[in-house]
Amino acid sequence: SLPDTQLRLLALGMDAYNVLGQLNQLATTPYN
């Protein structure tokens, strides 16, 4: 039901939640 312009924002929200607890590790261990 989302407009095309907002699809990438949905993915942004998913990643924001999932990387929140890994911020200190992202400098050495990338997150897919």
PDB file of all heavy atoms in Angstrom:
ATOM      1  N   SER A   1       0.809  -1.220   0.000  1.00  0.00           N
ATOM      2  CA  SER A   1       0.000   0.000   0.000  1.00  0.00           C
ATOM      3  C   SER A   1       0.845   1.272   0.000  1.00  0.00           C
ATOM      4  O   SER A   1       0.304   2.369  -0.071  1.00  0.00           O
ATOM      5  CB  SER A   1      -0.928   0.006   1.221  1.00  0.00           C
ATOM      6  OG  SER A   1      -0.177  -0.021   2.419  1.00  0.00           O
ATOM      7  N   LEU A   2       2.165   1.144   0.072  1.00  0.00           N
ATOM      8  CA  LEU A   2       3.029   2.321   0.113  1.00  0.00           C
ATOM      9  C   LEU A   2       3.292   2.859  -1.290  1.00  0.00           C
ATOM     10  O   LEU A   2       3.397   2.095  -2.248  1.00  0.00           O
ATOM     11  CB  LEU A   2       4.374   1.975   0.765  1.00  0.00           C
ATOM     12  CG  LEU A   2       4.371   1.633   2.254  1.00  0.00           C
ATOM     13  CD1 LEU A   2       5.787   1.260   2.693  1.00  0.00           C
ATOM     14  CD2 LEU A   2       3.847   2.795   3.087  1.00  0.00           C
ATOM     15  N   PRO A   3       3.461   4.165  -1.437  1.00  0.00           N
ATOM     16  CA  PRO A   3       3.893   4.721  -2.726  1.00  0.00           C
ATOM     17  C   PRO A   3       5.311   4.256  -3.059  1.00  0.00           C
ATOM     18  O   PRO A   3       6.086   3.906  -2.155  1.00  0.00           O
ATOM     19  CB  PRO A   3       3.858   6.238  -2.491  1.00  0.00           C
ATOM     20  CG  PRO A   3       3.039   6.440  -1.258  1.00  0.00           C
ATOM     21  CD  PRO A   3       3.207   5.211  -0.436  1.00  0.00           C
ATOM     22  N   ASP A   4       5.649   4.270  -4.331  1.00  0.00           N
ATOM     23  CA  ASP A   4       6.983   3.827  -4.757  1.00  0.00           C
ATOM     24  C   ASP A   4       8.089   4.594  -4.040  1.00  0.00           C
ATOM     25  O   ASP A   4       9.122   4.023  -3.689  1.00  0.00           O
ATOM     26  CB  ASP A   4       7.134   4.017  -6.270  1.00  0.00           C
ATOM     27  CG  ASP A   4       6.197   3.124  -7.066  1.00  0.00           C
ATOM     28  OD1 ASP A   4       5.624   2.193  -6.465  1.00  0.00           O
ATOM     29  OD2 ASP A   4       6.029   3.361  -8.274  1.00  0.00           O
ATOM     30  N   THR A   5       7.862   5.892  -3.819  1.00  0.00           N
ATOM     31  CA  THR A   5       8.904   6.737  -3.239  1.00  0.00           C
ATOM     32  C   THR A   5       9.239   6.368  -1.795  1.00  0.00           C
ATOM     33  O   THR A   5      10.247   6.835  -1.264  1.00  0.00           O
ATOM     34  CB  THR A   5       8.480   8.212  -3.281  1.00  0.00           C
ATOM     35  OG1 THR A   5       7.202   8.341  -2.636  1.00  0.00           O
ATOM     36  CG2 THR A   5       8.379   8.701  -4.719  1.00  0.00           C
ATOM     37  N   GLN A   6       8.397   5.539  -1.164  1.00  0.00           N
ATOM     38  CA  GLN A   6       8.608   5.207   0.240  1.00  0.00           C
ATOM     39  C   GLN A   6       9.123   3.790   0.473  1.00  0.00           C
ATOM     40  O   GLN A   6       9.377   3.401   1.610  1.00  0.00           O
ATOM     41  CB  GLN A   6       7.304   5.408   1.020  1.00  0.00           C
ATOM     42  CG  GLN A   6       6.855   6.865   1.063  1.00  0.00           C
ATOM     43  CD  GLN A   6       5.496   7.024   1.709  1.00  0.00           C
ATOM     44  OE1 GLN A   6       4.980   6.116   2.343  1.00  0.00           O
ATOM     45  NE2 GLN A   6       4.902   8.199   1.550  1.00  0.00           N
ATOM     46  N   LEU A   7       9.284   3.018  -0.593  1.00  0.00           N
ATOM     47  CA  LEU A   7       9.715   1.630  -0.418  1.00  0.00           C
ATOM     48  C   LEU A   7      11.108   1.545   0.188  1.00  0.00           C
ATOM     49  O   LEU A   7      11.376   0.708   1.060  1.00  0.00           O
ATOM     50  CB  LEU A   7       9.681   0.892  -1.761  1.00  0.00           C
ATOM     51  CG  LEU A   7       8.296   0.745  -2.406  1.00  0.00           C
ATOM     52  CD1 LEU A   7       8.393  -0.078  -3.687  1.00  0.00           C
ATOM     53  CD2 LEU A   7       7.316   0.090  -1.443  1.00  0.00           C
ATOM     54  N   ARG A   8      12.017   2.410  -0.266  1.00  0.00           N
ATOM     55  CA  ARG A   8      13.379   2.373   0.275  1.00  0.00           C
ATOM     56  C   ARG A   8      13.397   2.813   1.735  1.00  0.00           C
ATOM     57  O   ARG A   8      14.243   2.364   2.506  1.00  0.00           O
ATOM     58  CB  ARG A   8      14.289   3.252  -0.578  1.00  0.00           C
ATOM     59  CG  ARG A   8      14.504   2.713  -1.998  1.00  0.00           C
ATOM     60  CD  ARG A   8      15.308   3.668  -2.880  1.00  0.00           C
ATOM     61  NE  ARG A   8      15.485   3.145  -4.223  1.00  0.00           N
ATOM     62  CZ  ARG A   8      14.588   3.274  -5.206  1.00  0.00           C
ATOM     63  NH1 ARG A   8      13.452   3.920  -4.973  1.00  0.00           N
ATOM     64  NH2 ARG A   8      14.821   2.757  -6.399  1.00  0.00           N
ATOM     65  N   LEU A   9      12.456   3.677   2.116  1.00  0.00           N
ATOM     66  CA  LEU A   9      12.377   4.109   3.518  1.00  0.00           C
ATOM     67  C   LEU A   9      11.945   2.961   4.423  1.00  0.00           C
ATOM     68  O   LEU A   9      12.369   2.872   5.577  1.00  0.00           O
ATOM     69  CB  LEU A   9      11.410   5.282   3.652  1.00  0.00           C
ATOM     70  CG  LEU A   9      11.830   6.586   2.960  1.00  0.00           C
ATOM     71  CD1 LEU A   9      10.725   7.624   3.061  1.00  0.00           C
ATOM     72  CD2 LEU A   9      13.128   7.121   3.570  1.00  0.00           C
ATOM     73  N   LEU A  10      11.091   2.085   3.921  1.00  0.00           N
ATOM     74  CA  LEU A  10      10.705   0.899   4.687  1.00  0.00           C
ATOM     75  C   LEU A  10      11.930   0.043   4.981  1.00  0.00           C
ATOM     76  O   LEU A  10      12.142  -0.407   6.114  1.00  0.00           O
ATOM     77  CB  LEU A  10       9.668   0.095   3.904  1.00  0.00           C
ATOM     78  CG  LEU A  10       9.114  -1.146   4.592  1.00  0.00           C
ATOM     79  CD1 LEU A  10       8.124  -0.777   5.676  1.00  0.00           C
ATOM     80  CD2 LEU A  10       8.439  -2.067   3.573  1.00  0.00           C
ATOM     81  N   ALA A  11      12.755  -0.168   3.963  1.00  0.00           N
ATOM     82  CA  ALA A  11      13.993  -0.935   4.151  1.00  0.00           C
ATOM     83  C   ALA A  11      14.942  -0.223   5.103  1.00  0.00           C
ATOM     84  O   ALA A  11      15.642  -0.866   5.902  1.00  0.00           O
ATOM     85  CB  ALA A  11      14.668  -1.174   2.796  1.00  0.00           C
ATOM     86  N   LEU A  12      14.977   1.107   5.036  1.00  0.00           N
ATOM     87  CA  LEU A  12      15.806   1.889   5.957  1.00  0.00           C
ATOM     88  C   LEU A  12      15.376   1.632   7.402  1.00  0.00           C
ATOM     89  O   LEU A  12      16.223   1.465   8.290  1.00  0.00           O
ATOM     90  CB  LEU A  12      15.696   3.376   5.626  1.00  0.00           C
ATOM     91  CG  LEU A  12      16.418   4.345   6.566  1.00  0.00           C
ATOM     92  CD1 LEU A  12      17.932   4.150   6.499  1.00  0.00           C
ATOM     93  CD2 LEU A  12      16.056   5.795   6.233  1.00  0.00           C
ATOM     94  N   GLY A  13      14.080   1.606   7.652  1.00  0.00           N
ATOM     95  CA  GLY A  13      13.593   1.334   9.000  1.00  0.00           C
ATOM     96  C   GLY A  13      13.992  -0.042   9.490  1.00  0.00           C
ATOM     97  O   GLY A  13      14.378  -0.214  10.659  1.00  0.00           O
ATOM     98  N   MET A  14      13.904  -1.046   8.617  1.00  0.00           N
ATOM     99  CA  MET A  14      14.323  -2.403   8.994  1.00  0.00           C
ATOM    100  C   MET A  14      15.787  -2.427   9.419  1.00  0.00           C
ATOM    101  O   MET A  14      16.147  -2.976  10.473  1.00  0.00           O
ATOM    102  CB  MET A  14      14.123  -3.356   7.807  1.00  0.00           C
ATOM    103  CG  MET A  14      12.687  -3.598   7.416  1.00  0.00           C
ATOM    104  SD  MET A  14      12.640  -4.666   5.948  1.00  0.00           S
ATOM    105  CE  MET A  14      10.870  -4.694   5.641  1.00  0.00           C
ATOM    106  N   ASP A  15      16.630  -1.826   8.609  1.00  0.00           N
ATOM    107  CA  ASP A  15      18.065  -1.836   8.917  1.00  0.00           C
ATOM    108  C   ASP A  15      18.383  -1.016  10.153  1.00  0.00           C
ATOM    109  O   ASP A  15      19.244  -1.398  10.956  1.00  0.00           O
ATOM    110  CB  ASP A  15      18.861  -1.300   7.725  1.00  0.00           C
ATOM    111  CG  ASP A  15      19.089  -2.356   6.651  1.00  0.00           C
ATOM    112  OD1 ASP A  15      18.731  -3.524   6.878  1.00  0.00           O
ATOM    113  OD2 ASP A  15      19.630  -2.011   5.589  1.00  0.00           O
ATOM    114  N   ALA A  16      17.695   0.106  10.329  1.00  0.00           N
ATOM    115  CA  ALA A  16      17.957   0.950  11.497  1.00  0.00           C
ATOM    116  C   ALA A  16      17.730   0.159  12.778  1.00  0.00           C
ATOM    117  O   ALA A  16      18.527   0.229  13.724  1.00  0.00           O
ATOM    118  CB  ALA A  16      17.065   2.190  11.461  1.00  0.00           C
ATOM    119  N   TYR A  17      16.643  -0.599  12.826  1.00  0.00           N
ATOM    120  CA  TYR A  17      16.365  -1.399  14.019  1.00  0.00           C
ATOM    121  C   TYR A  17      17.420  -2.490  14.201  1.00  0.00           C
ATOM    122  O   TYR A  17      17.916  -2.721  15.315  1.00  0.00           O
ATOM    123  CB  TYR A  17      14.975  -2.030  13.922  1.00  0.00           C
ATOM    124  CG  TYR A  17      14.608  -2.818  15.158  1.00  0.00           C
ATOM    125  CD1 TYR A  17      14.066  -2.179  16.270  1.00  0.00           C
ATOM    126  CD2 TYR A  17      14.822  -4.192  15.229  1.00  0.00           C
ATOM    127  CE1 TYR A  17      13.741  -2.889  17.418  1.00  0.00           C
ATOM    128  CE2 TYR A  17      14.505  -4.911  16.369  1.00  0.00           C
ATOM    129  CZ  TYR A  17      13.967  -4.249  17.461  1.00  0.00           C
ATOM    130  OH  TYR A  17      13.665  -4.970  18.602  1.00  0.00           O
ATOM    131  N   ASN A  18      17.784  -3.149  13.124  1.00  0.00           N
ATOM    132  CA  ASN A  18      18.683  -4.304  13.235  1.00  0.00           C
ATOM    133  C   ASN A  18      20.135  -3.939  13.518  1.00  0.00           C
ATOM    134  O   ASN A  18      20.867  -4.736  14.108  1.00  0.00           O
ATOM    135  CB  ASN A  18      18.596  -5.153  11.959  1.00  0.00           C
ATOM    136  CG  ASN A  18      17.328  -5.988  11.916  1.00  0.00           C
ATOM    137  OD1 ASN A  18      16.823  -6.436  12.943  1.00  0.00           O
ATOM    138  ND2 ASN A  18      16.791  -6.193  10.725  1.00  0.00           N
ATOM    139  N   VAL A  19      20.579  -2.756  13.109  1.00  0.00           N
ATOM    140  CA  VAL A  19      21.979  -2.384  13.356  1.00  0.00           C
ATOM    141  C   VAL A  19      22.155  -1.627  14.665  1.00  0.00           C
ATOM    142  O   VAL A  19      23.278  -1.385  15.092  1.00  0.00           O
ATOM    143  CB  VAL A  19      22.573  -1.529  12.207  1.00  0.00           C
ATOM    144  CG1 VAL A  19      22.493  -2.266  10.886  1.00  0.00           C
ATOM    145  CG2 VAL A  19      21.896  -0.169  12.115  1.00  0.00           C
ATOM    146  N   LEU A  20      21.049  -1.274  15.313  1.00  0.00           N
ATOM    147  CA  LEU A  20      21.136  -0.429  16.504  1.00  0.00           C
ATOM    148  C   LEU A  20      22.035  -1.032  17.577  1.00  0.00           C
ATOM    149  O   LEU A  20      22.802  -0.323  18.224  1.00  0.00           O
ATOM    150  CB  LEU A  20      19.731  -0.188  17.066  1.00  0.00           C
ATOM    151  CG  LEU A  20      19.598   0.891  18.141  1.00  0.00           C
ATOM    152  CD1 LEU A  20      20.024   2.248  17.600  1.00  0.00           C
ATOM    153  CD2 LEU A  20      18.159   0.961  18.650  1.00  0.00           C
ATOM    154  N   GLY A  21      21.956  -2.331  17.748  1.00  0.00           N
ATOM    155  CA  GLY A  21      22.782  -2.977  18.766  1.00  0.00           C
ATOM    156  C   GLY A  21      24.160  -3.379  18.278  1.00  0.00           C
ATOM    157  O   GLY A  21      24.935  -3.993  19.028  1.00  0.00           O
ATOM    158  N   GLN A  22      24.495  -3.043  17.017  1.00  0.00           N
ATOM    159  CA  GLN A  22      25.776  -3.456  16.451  1.00  0.00           C
ATOM    160  C   GLN A  22      26.654  -2.281  16.030  1.00  0.00           C
ATOM    161  O   GLN A  22      27.632  -2.465  15.304  1.00  0.00           O
ATOM    162  CB  GLN A  22      25.527  -4.351  15.220  1.00  0.00           C
ATOM    163  CG  GLN A  22      24.640  -5.539  15.480  1.00  0.00           C
ATOM    164  CD  GLN A  22      24.458  -6.382  14.240  1.00  0.00           C
ATOM    165  OE1 GLN A  22      25.369  -6.537  13.427  1.00  0.00           O
ATOM    166  NE2 GLN A  22      23.269  -6.939  14.065  1.00  0.00           N
ATOM    167  N   LEU A  23      26.317  -1.075  16.475  1.00  0.00           N
ATOM    168  CA  LEU A  23      27.014   0.112  15.990  1.00  0.00           C
ATOM    169  C   LEU A  23      28.508   0.067  16.273  1.00  0.00           C
ATOM    170  O   LEU A  23      29.325   0.489  15.447  1.00  0.00           O
ATOM    171  CB  LEU A  23      26.394   1.366  16.609  1.00  0.00           C
ATOM    172  CG  LEU A  23      24.951   1.658  16.167  1.00  0.00           C
ATOM    173  CD1 LEU A  23      24.379   2.833  16.936  1.00  0.00           C
ATOM    174  CD2 LEU A  23      24.898   1.930  14.670  1.00  0.00           C
ATOM    175  N   ASN A  24      28.878  -0.437  17.436  1.00  0.00           N
ATOM    176  CA  ASN A  24      30.304  -0.466  17.791  1.00  0.00           C
ATOM    177  C   ASN A  24      31.091  -1.479  16.965  1.00  0.00           C
ATOM    178  O   ASN A  24      32.311  -1.378  16.855  1.00  0.00           O
ATOM    179  CB  ASN A  24      30.467  -0.790  19.279  1.00  0.00           C
ATOM    180  CG  ASN A  24      29.972   0.326  20.172  1.00  0.00           C
ATOM    181  OD1 ASN A  24      29.986   1.488  19.787  1.00  0.00           O
ATOM    182  ND2 ASN A  24      29.513  -0.016  21.366  1.00  0.00           N
ATOM    183  N   GLN A  25      30.402  -2.470  16.385  1.00  0.00           N
ATOM    184  CA  GLN A  25      31.093  -3.491  15.603  1.00  0.00           C
ATOM    185  C   GLN A  25      31.171  -3.172  14.114  1.00  0.00           C
ATOM    186  O   GLN A  25      31.942  -3.790  13.374  1.00  0.00           O
ATOM    187  CB  GLN A  25      30.373  -4.848  15.763  1.00  0.00           C
ATOM    188  CG  GLN A  25      30.504  -5.478  17.147  1.00  0.00           C
ATOM    189  CD  GLN A  25      29.561  -4.878  18.154  1.00  0.00           C
ATOM    190  OE1 GLN A  25      28.394  -4.673  17.849  1.00  0.00           O
ATOM    191  NE2 GLN A  25      30.037  -4.583  19.347  1.00  0.00           N
ATOM    192  N   LEU A  26      30.365  -2.194  13.654  1.00  0.00           N
ATOM    193  CA  LEU A  26      30.266  -1.953  12.216  1.00  0.00           C
ATOM    194  C   LEU A  26      31.548  -1.423  11.596  1.00  0.00           C
ATOM    195  O   LEU A  26      31.750  -1.546  10.389  1.00  0.00           O
ATOM    196  CB  LEU A  26      29.123  -0.969  11.923  1.00  0.00           C
ATOM    197  CG  LEU A  26      27.710  -1.532  12.054  1.00  0.00           C
ATOM    198  CD1 LEU A  26      26.685  -0.438  11.792  1.00  0.00           C
ATOM    199  CD2 LEU A  26      27.494  -2.684  11.085  1.00  0.00           C
ATOM    200  N   ALA A  27      32.426  -0.844  12.406  1.00  0.00           N
ATOM    201  CA  ALA A  27      33.689  -0.328  11.866  1.00  0.00           C
ATOM    202  C   ALA A  27      34.573  -1.466  11.366  1.00  0.00           C
ATOM    203  O   ALA A  27      35.376  -1.279  10.441  1.00  0.00           O
ATOM    204  CB  ALA A  27      34.423   0.488  12.917  1.00  0.00           C
ATOM    205  N   THR A  28      34.426  -2.649  11.962  1.00  0.00           N
ATOM    206  CA  THR A  28      35.266  -3.795  11.577  1.00  0.00           C
ATOM    207  C   THR A  28      34.470  -4.935  10.961  1.00  0.00           C
ATOM    208  O   THR A  28      35.015  -5.729  10.199  1.00  0.00           O
ATOM    209  CB  THR A  28      36.027  -4.336  12.802  1.00  0.00           C
ATOM    210  OG1 THR A  28      35.076  -4.645  13.842  1.00  0.00           O
ATOM    211  CG2 THR A  28      37.009  -3.294  13.326  1.00  0.00           C
ATOM    212  N   THR A  29      33.180  -5.025  11.269  1.00  0.00           N
ATOM    213  CA  THR A  29      32.357  -6.122  10.776  1.00  0.00           C
ATOM    214  C   THR A  29      31.125  -5.567  10.079  1.00  0.00           C
ATOM    215  O   THR A  29      30.165  -5.162  10.745  1.00  0.00           O
ATOM    216  CB  THR A  29      31.912  -7.042  11.933  1.00  0.00           C
ATOM    217  OG1 THR A  29      33.055  -7.454  12.673  1.00  0.00           O
ATOM    218  CG2 THR A  29      31.183  -8.269  11.395  1.00  0.00           C
ATOM    219  N   PRO A  30      31.101  -5.520   8.745  1.00  0.00           N
ATOM    220  CA  PRO A  30      29.947  -4.967   8.025  1.00  0.00           C
ATOM    221  C   PRO A  30      28.685  -5.791   8.278  1.00  0.00           C
ATOM    222  O   PRO A  30      28.745  -6.980   8.589  1.00  0.00           O
ATOM    223  CB  PRO A  30      30.377  -5.046   6.557  1.00  0.00           C
ATOM    224  CG  PRO A  30      31.867  -5.114   6.591  1.00  0.00           C
ATOM    225  CD  PRO A  30      32.199  -5.879   7.834  1.00  0.00           C
ATOM    226  N   TYR A  31      27.551  -5.131   8.128  1.00  0.00           N
ATOM    227  CA  TYR A  31      26.249  -5.773   8.282  1.00  0.00           C
ATOM    228  C   TYR A  31      25.585  -5.867   6.916  1.00  0.00           C
ATOM    229  O   TYR A  31      25.484  -4.872   6.189  1.00  0.00           O
ATOM    230  CB  TYR A  31      25.374  -4.965   9.239  1.00  0.00           C
ATOM    231  CG  TYR A  31      23.956  -5.477   9.346  1.00  0.00           C
ATOM    232  CD1 TYR A  31      23.652  -6.593  10.108  1.00  0.00           C
ATOM    233  CD2 TYR A  31      22.910  -4.835   8.666  1.00  0.00           C
ATOM    234  CE1 TYR A  31      22.347  -7.071  10.206  1.00  0.00           C
ATOM    235  CE2 TYR A  31      21.599  -5.303   8.761  1.00  0.00           C
ATOM    236  CZ  TYR A  31      21.333  -6.418   9.531  1.00  0.00           C
ATOM    237  OH  TYR A  31      20.045  -6.894   9.624  1.00  0.00           O
ATOM    238  N   ASN A  32      25.130  -7.052   6.558  1.00  0.00           N
ATOM    239  CA  ASN A  32      24.476  -7.258   5.267  1.00  0.00           C
ATOM    240  C   ASN A  32      22.991  -6.909   5.398  1.00  0.00           C
ATOM    241  O   ASN A  32      22.170  -7.747   5.784  1.00  0.00           O
ATOM    242  CB  ASN A  32      24.650  -8.702   4.801  1.00  0.00           C
ATOM    243  CG  ASN A  32      26.101  -9.042   4.549  1.00  0.00           C
ATOM    244  OD1 ASN A  32      26.898  -8.162   4.230  1.00  0.00           O
ATOM    245  ND2 ASN A  32      26.455 -10.300   4.694  1.00  0.00           N
TER     246      ASN A  32
END
